[in-house]
PDB file of N, CA and C in Angstrom:
ATOM      1  N   MET A   1       8.981   8.628  -2.419  1.00  0.00           N
ATOM      2  CA  MET A   1      10.121   7.798  -3.196  1.00  0.00           C
ATOM      3  C   MET A   1       9.593   7.909  -5.071  1.00  0.00           C
ATOM      4  N   PHE A   2      10.673   6.798  -5.469  1.00  0.00           N
ATOM      5  CA  PHE A   2      10.361   6.913  -7.005  1.00  0.00           C
ATOM      6  C   PHE A   2       8.788   6.151  -6.849  1.00  0.00           C
ATOM      7  N   ALA A   3       8.436   6.875  -8.125  1.00  0.00           N
ATOM      8  CA  ALA A   3       6.930   6.235  -9.070  1.00  0.00           C
ATOM      9  C   ALA A   3       7.239   6.238  -9.916  1.00  0.00           C
ATOM     10  N   GLU A   4       6.807   5.528 -11.186  1.00  0.00           N
ATOM     11  CA  GLU A   4       6.418   5.803 -12.711  1.00  0.00           C
ATOM     12  C   GLU A   4       8.076   5.673 -12.922  1.00  0.00           C
ATOM     13  N   GLY A   5       8.827   5.770 -11.887  1.00  0.00           N
ATOM     14  CA  GLY A   5      10.294   5.895 -12.742  1.00  0.00           C
ATOM     15  C   GLY A   5      11.261   7.052 -12.767  1.00  0.00           C
ATOM     16  N   ARG A   6      10.724   8.191 -11.987  1.00  0.00           N
ATOM     17  CA  ARG A   6      11.486   9.409 -11.259  1.00  0.00           C
ATOM     18  C   ARG A   6      11.150   9.412  -9.497  1.00  0.00           C
ATOM     19  N   MET A   7      11.672  10.181  -9.232  1.00  0.00           N
ATOM     20  CA  MET A   7      11.545  11.212  -7.974  1.00  0.00           C
ATOM     21  C   MET A   7      10.832  11.694  -7.578  1.00  0.00           C
ATOM     22  N   THR A   8       9.447  11.836  -6.676  1.00  0.00           N
ATOM     23  CA  THR A   8       8.443  12.672  -6.553  1.00  0.00           C
ATOM     24  C   THR A   8       7.990  12.321  -4.768  1.00  0.00           C
ATOM     25  N   ASP A   9       7.147  13.643  -4.075  1.00  0.00           N
ATOM     26  CA  ASP A   9       7.078  13.446  -3.043  1.00  0.00           C
ATOM     27  C   ASP A   9       5.430  13.785  -3.423  1.00  0.00           C
ATOM     28  N   ASP A  10       4.933  14.203  -4.386  1.00  0.00           N
ATOM     29  CA  ASP A  10       3.453  14.312  -4.573  1.00  0.00           C
ATOM     30  C   ASP A  10       2.579  12.900  -4.248  1.00  0.00           C
ATOM     31  N   MET A  11       1.973  13.251  -3.463  1.00  0.00           N
ATOM     32  CA  MET A  11       1.249  12.156  -2.552  1.00  0.00           C
ATOM     33  C   MET A  11      -0.204  11.111  -4.188  1.00  0.00           C
ATOM     34  N   THR A  12      -0.219  12.476  -4.979  1.00  0.00           N
ATOM     35  CA  THR A  12      -1.290  12.229  -5.708  1.00  0.00           C
ATOM     36  C   THR A  12      -1.034  11.081  -7.042  1.00  0.00           C
ATOM     37  N   GLU A  13       0.596  11.461  -7.149  1.00  0.00           N
ATOM     38  CA  GLU A  13       1.264  10.876  -8.420  1.00  0.00           C
ATOM     39  C   GLU A  13       2.191   9.178  -7.814  1.00  0.00           C
ATOM     40  N   ILE A  14       2.190   9.314  -5.946  1.00  0.00           N
ATOM     41  CA  ILE A  14       2.427   8.211  -5.492  1.00  0.00           C
ATOM     42  C   ILE A  14       1.053   6.880  -5.592  1.00  0.00           C
ATOM     43  N   GLU A  15       0.514   7.814  -5.104  1.00  0.00           N
ATOM     44  CA  GLU A  15      -1.317   6.910  -5.238  1.00  0.00           C
ATOM     45  C   GLU A  15      -1.824   6.458  -6.301  1.00  0.00           C
ATOM     46  N   ASP A  16      -1.250   7.225  -7.433  1.00  0.00           N
ATOM     47  CA  ASP A  16      -1.904   6.448  -8.592  1.00  0.00           C
ATOM     48  C   ASP A  16      -0.647   5.380  -9.174  1.00  0.00           C
ATOM     49  N   PHE A  17       0.591   5.336  -8.853  1.00  0.00           N
ATOM     50  CA  PHE A  17       2.197   4.137  -9.132  1.00  0.00           C
ATOM     51  C   PHE A  17       1.444   3.591  -7.907  1.00  0.00           C
ATOM     52  N   LEU A  18       0.737   3.583  -6.324  1.00  0.00           N
ATOM     53  CA  LEU A  18       0.976   2.105  -5.639  1.00  0.00           C
ATOM     54  C   LEU A  18      -0.908   1.687  -6.418  1.00  0.00           C
ATOM     55  N   LEU A  19      -1.888   1.868  -6.296  1.00  0.00           N
ATOM     56  CA  LEU A  19      -2.573   1.271  -6.617  1.00  0.00           C
ATOM     57  C   LEU A  19      -2.709   0.764  -8.310  1.00  0.00           C
ATOM     58  N   SER A  20      -2.273   1.349  -8.949  1.00  0.00           N
ATOM     59  CA  SER A  20      -1.520   0.640 -10.689  1.00  0.00           C
ATOM     60  C   SER A  20      -0.553  -0.966 -10.221  1.00  0.00           C
ATOM     61  N   GLU A  21      -0.144  -0.888  -8.879  1.00  0.00           N
ATOM     62  CA  GLU A  21       0.997  -1.668  -8.733  1.00  0.00           C
ATOM     63  C   GLU A  21      -0.025  -2.809  -8.170  1.00  0.00           C
ATOM     64  N   ARG A  22      -0.639  -2.268  -6.931  1.00  0.00           N
ATOM     65  CA  ARG A  22      -1.855  -3.443  -5.965  1.00  0.00           C
ATOM     66  C   ARG A  22      -2.886  -4.713  -7.629  1.00  0.00           C
ATOM     67  N   GLN A  23      -3.335  -3.760  -8.650  1.00  0.00           N
ATOM     68  CA  GLN A  23      -3.502  -4.317  -9.135  1.00  0.00           C
ATOM     69  C   GLN A  23      -2.948  -5.244  -9.937  1.00  0.00           C
ATOM     70  N   LYS A  24      -1.325  -5.764 -10.059  1.00  0.00           N
ATOM     71  CA  LYS A  24      -0.929  -6.818 -10.881  1.00  0.00           C
ATOM     72  C   LYS A  24      -0.126  -7.931 -10.037  1.00  0.00           C
ATOM     73  N   VAL A  25      -0.511  -7.664  -8.338  1.00  0.00           N
ATOM     74  CA  VAL A  25      -0.344  -8.912  -6.835  1.00  0.00           C
ATOM     75  C   VAL A  25      -1.949  -9.575  -7.049  1.00  0.00           C
ATOM     76  N   LEU A  26      -1.962 -10.156  -6.195  1.00  0.00           N
ATOM     77  CA  LEU A  26      -2.910 -11.427  -5.831  1.00  0.00           C
ATOM     78  C   LEU A  26      -3.198 -11.453  -4.620  1.00  0.00           C
ATOM     79  N   SER A  27      -1.914 -10.377  -3.347  1.00  0.00           N
ATOM     80  CA  SER A  27      -2.401 -10.432  -1.941  1.00  0.00           C
ATOM     81  C   SER A  27      -1.542  -9.336  -1.918  1.00  0.00           C
ATOM     82  N   GLU A  28      -2.413  -8.655  -0.550  1.00  0.00           N
ATOM     83  CA  GLU A  28      -2.429  -7.262  -0.413  1.00  0.00           C
ATOM     84  C   GLU A  28      -0.573  -7.022   0.747  1.00  0.00           C
ATOM     85  N   ALA A  29      -0.324  -8.884   1.115  1.00  0.00           N
ATOM     86  CA  ALA A  29       0.912  -9.181   1.554  1.00  0.00           C
ATOM     87  C   ALA A  29       2.103  -8.980   0.262  1.00  0.00           C
ATOM     88  N   GLU A  30       1.683  -8.873  -0.977  1.00  0.00           N
ATOM     89  CA  GLU A  30       2.356  -9.302  -2.155  1.00  0.00           C
ATOM     90  C   GLU A  30       2.754  -7.646  -2.625  1.00  0.00           C
ATOM     91  N   TRP A  31       2.271  -6.967  -2.416  1.00  0.00           N
ATOM     92  CA  TRP A  31       1.683  -5.819  -2.335  1.00  0.00           C
ATOM     93  C   TRP A  31       2.715  -5.038  -1.419  1.00  0.00           C
ATOM     94  N   ARG A  32       2.452  -5.335  -0.502  1.00  0.00           N
ATOM     95  CA  ARG A  32       3.357  -4.512   0.503  1.00  0.00           C
ATOM     96  C   ARG A  32       4.801  -4.898   0.226  1.00  0.00           C
ATOM     97  N   PHE A  33       5.789  -5.843  -0.222  1.00  0.00           N
ATOM     98  CA  PHE A  33       6.189  -6.607  -0.317  1.00  0.00           C
ATOM     99  C   PHE A  33       7.358  -6.056  -0.945  1.00  0.00           C
ATOM    100  N   ARG A  34       6.665  -5.569  -2.856  1.00  0.00           N
ATOM    101  CA  ARG A  34       6.918  -5.299  -3.630  1.00  0.00           C
ATOM    102  C   ARG A  34       7.570  -4.006  -3.421  1.00  0.00           C
ATOM    103  N   MET A  35       5.932  -3.442  -2.609  1.00  0.00           N
ATOM    104  CA  MET A  35       6.421  -1.561  -2.295  1.00  0.00           C
ATOM    105  C   MET A  35       7.602  -0.942  -1.446  1.00  0.00           C
ATOM    106  N   ARG A  36       7.621  -2.186  -0.637  1.00  0.00           N
ATOM    107  CA  ARG A  36       8.903  -1.920   0.076  1.00  0.00           C
ATOM    108  C   ARG A  36      10.422  -1.707  -0.789  1.00  0.00           C
ATOM    109  N   GLY A  37      10.259  -2.590  -1.842  1.00  0.00           N
ATOM    110  CA  GLY A  37      11.525  -2.743  -3.062  1.00  0.00           C
ATOM    111  C   GLY A  37      11.298  -1.533  -4.167  1.00  0.00           C
ATOM    112  N   TYR A  38      10.361  -0.215  -3.765  1.00  0.00           N
ATOM    113  CA  TYR A  38      10.585   0.754  -3.975  1.00  0.00           C
ATOM    114  C   TYR A  38      10.818   1.702  -3.656  1.00  0.00           C
ATOM    115  N   GLY A  39      11.219   1.350  -2.376  1.00  0.00           N
ATOM    116  CA  GLY A  39      10.827   2.249  -1.730  1.00  0.00           C
ATOM    117  C   GLY A  39      10.001   3.236  -0.439  1.00  0.00           C
ATOM    118  N   TYR A  40       9.049   1.961  -0.397  1.00  0.00           N
ATOM    119  CA  TYR A  40       7.292   2.475   0.322  1.00  0.00           C
ATOM    120  C   TYR A  40       7.107   1.139   1.409  1.00  0.00           C
ATOM    121  N   ASN A  41       7.019   1.895   2.532  1.00  0.00           N
ATOM    122  CA  ASN A  41       6.600   1.176   3.502  1.00  0.00           C
ATOM    123  C   ASN A  41       5.145   1.644   3.597  1.00  0.00           C
ATOM    124  N   LEU A  42       3.940   0.731   3.904  1.00  0.00           N
ATOM    125  CA  LEU A  42       3.015   0.314   3.924  1.00  0.00           C
ATOM    126  C   LEU A  42       2.972  -0.666   4.970  1.00  0.00           C
ATOM    127  N   ARG A  43       1.057   0.356   5.672  1.00  0.00           N
ATOM    128  CA  ARG A  43       1.048   0.018   6.925  1.00  0.00           C
ATOM    129  C   ARG A  43      -0.415   0.226   7.481  1.00  0.00           C
ATOM    130  N   ARG A  44      -1.169  -0.946   7.221  1.00  0.00           N
ATOM    131  CA  ARG A  44      -3.024  -0.814   7.235  1.00  0.00           C
ATOM    132  C   ARG A  44      -3.057  -0.269   8.344  1.00  0.00           C
ATOM    133  N   THR A  45      -3.952   0.942   9.087  1.00  0.00           N
ATOM    134  CA  THR A  45      -4.295   1.248  10.066  1.00  0.00           C
ATOM    135  C   THR A  45      -5.930   1.900   9.669  1.00  0.00           C
ATOM    136  N   ASP A  46      -6.521   2.225  10.683  1.00  0.00           N
ATOM    137  CA  ASP A  46      -7.895   2.468  10.861  1.00  0.00           C
ATOM    138  C   ASP A  46      -8.400   3.282   9.806  1.00  0.00           C
ATOM    139  N   ASN A  47      -7.331   4.058   9.152  1.00  0.00           N
ATOM    140  CA  ASN A  47      -8.290   4.803   8.060  1.00  0.00           C
ATOM    141  C   ASN A  47      -7.667   4.873   7.201  1.00  0.00           C
ATOM    142  N   GLY A  48      -6.933   3.611   6.923  1.00  0.00           N
ATOM    143  CA  GLY A  48      -5.972   3.455   5.506  1.00  0.00           C
ATOM    144  C   GLY A  48      -5.415   2.106   5.435  1.00  0.00           C
ATOM    145  N   VAL A  49      -4.745   3.095   4.483  1.00  0.00           N
ATOM    146  CA  VAL A  49      -3.226   2.917   4.363  1.00  0.00           C
ATOM    147  C   VAL A  49      -1.872   3.542   4.450  1.00  0.00           C
ATOM    148  N   GLU A  50      -1.486   3.544   4.953  1.00  0.00           N
ATOM    149  CA  GLU A  50      -0.560   5.074   5.498  1.00  0.00           C
ATOM    150  C   GLU A  50       0.834   4.463   4.715  1.00  0.00           C
ATOM    151  N   VAL A  51       1.497   5.195   4.213  1.00  0.00           N
ATOM    152  CA  VAL A  51       2.389   5.539   2.835  1.00  0.00           C
ATOM    153  C   VAL A  51       3.121   6.090   4.300  1.00  0.00           C
ATOM    154  N   ALA A  52       4.879   5.101   4.063  1.00  0.00           N
ATOM    155  CA  ALA A  52       5.619   5.702   4.513  1.00  0.00           C
ATOM    156  C   ALA A  52       6.989   6.081   3.546  1.00  0.00           C
ATOM    157  N   ARG A  53       7.978   6.619   3.780  1.00  0.00           N
ATOM    158  CA  ARG A  53       9.398   7.028   2.620  1.00  0.00           C
ATOM    159  C   ARG A  53      10.156   5.494   3.553  1.00  0.00           C
ATOM    160  N   LEU A  54      10.927   4.449   2.369  1.00  0.00           N
ATOM    161  CA  LEU A  54      12.313   4.374   3.580  1.00  0.00           C
ATOM    162  C   LEU A  54      13.571   4.454   3.101  1.00  0.00           C
ATOM    163  N   PRO A  55      14.415   4.816   3.251  1.00  0.00           N
ATOM    164  CA  PRO A  55      14.801   4.278   4.918  1.00  0.00           C
ATOM    165  C   PRO A  55      13.844   4.843   6.209  1.00  0.00           C
ATOM    166  N   GLN A  56      14.104   6.303   6.252  1.00  0.00           N
ATOM    167  CA  GLN A  56      13.924   6.481   7.308  1.00  0.00           C
ATOM    168  C   GLN A  56      11.970   6.555   8.050  1.00  0.00           C
ATOM    169  N   ASN A  57      11.206   6.147   6.523  1.00  0.00           N
ATOM    170  CA  ASN A  57       9.545   5.901   7.581  1.00  0.00           C
ATOM    171  C   ASN A  57       9.340   7.184   7.481  1.00  0.00           C
ATOM    172  N   ARG A  58       9.355   8.102   6.628  1.00  0.00           N
ATOM    173  CA  ARG A  58       8.955   9.136   6.627  1.00  0.00           C
ATOM    174  C   ARG A  58       7.452   9.023   5.968  1.00  0.00           C
ATOM    175  N   VAL A  59       6.203   9.300   6.867  1.00  0.00           N
ATOM    176  CA  VAL A  59       4.903   9.375   6.288  1.00  0.00           C
ATOM    177  C   VAL A  59       5.311  10.391   5.479  1.00  0.00           C
ATOM    178  N   LEU A  60       4.063   9.064   4.284  1.00  0.00           N
ATOM    179  CA  LEU A  60       3.693  10.787   3.345  1.00  0.00           C
ATOM    180  C   LEU A  60       2.094  11.404   3.428  1.00  0.00           C
ATOM    181  N   GLY A  61       1.404   9.983   3.465  1.00  0.00           N
ATOM    182  CA  GLY A  61      -0.037  10.262   3.401  1.00  0.00           C
ATOM    183  C   GLY A  61      -0.434   8.587   3.684  1.00  0.00           C
ATOM    184  N   THR A  62      -2.031   9.108   3.830  1.00  0.00           N
ATOM    185  CA  THR A  62      -2.269   7.505   3.770  1.00  0.00           C
ATOM    186  C   THR A  62      -3.365   7.637   2.094  1.00  0.00           C
ATOM    187  N   LEU A  63      -3.173   6.558   2.629  1.00  0.00           N
ATOM    188  CA  LEU A  63      -4.404   5.690   1.094  1.00  0.00           C
ATOM    189  C   LEU A  63      -6.131   5.435   1.417  1.00  0.00           C
ATOM    190  N   ASN A  64      -7.367   6.329   1.501  1.00  0.00           N
ATOM    191  CA  ASN A  64      -8.373   5.596   1.924  1.00  0.00           C
ATOM    192  C   ASN A  64      -8.824   4.431   0.723  1.00  0.00           C
ATOM    193  N   LEU A  65      -8.098   3.009   1.708  1.00  0.00           N
ATOM    194  CA  LEU A  65      -9.112   2.005   0.702  1.00  0.00           C
ATOM    195  C   LEU A  65      -9.831   1.634   1.501  1.00  0.00           C
TER     196      LEU A  65
END
């Protein structure tokens, strides 16, 4: 989806964007809410945070947090 103002499927760019946005908020719930506004669905799993593109909910990758 959109990372830094342009559309991308590169997980490295998406990860950089998501982590920079995470630093701007106080809680993980607020971070997930903000990312839904950018078109990303974040879901905590045993392996980290699964990143999916909305509205299809297509999984793009996992952040190891």
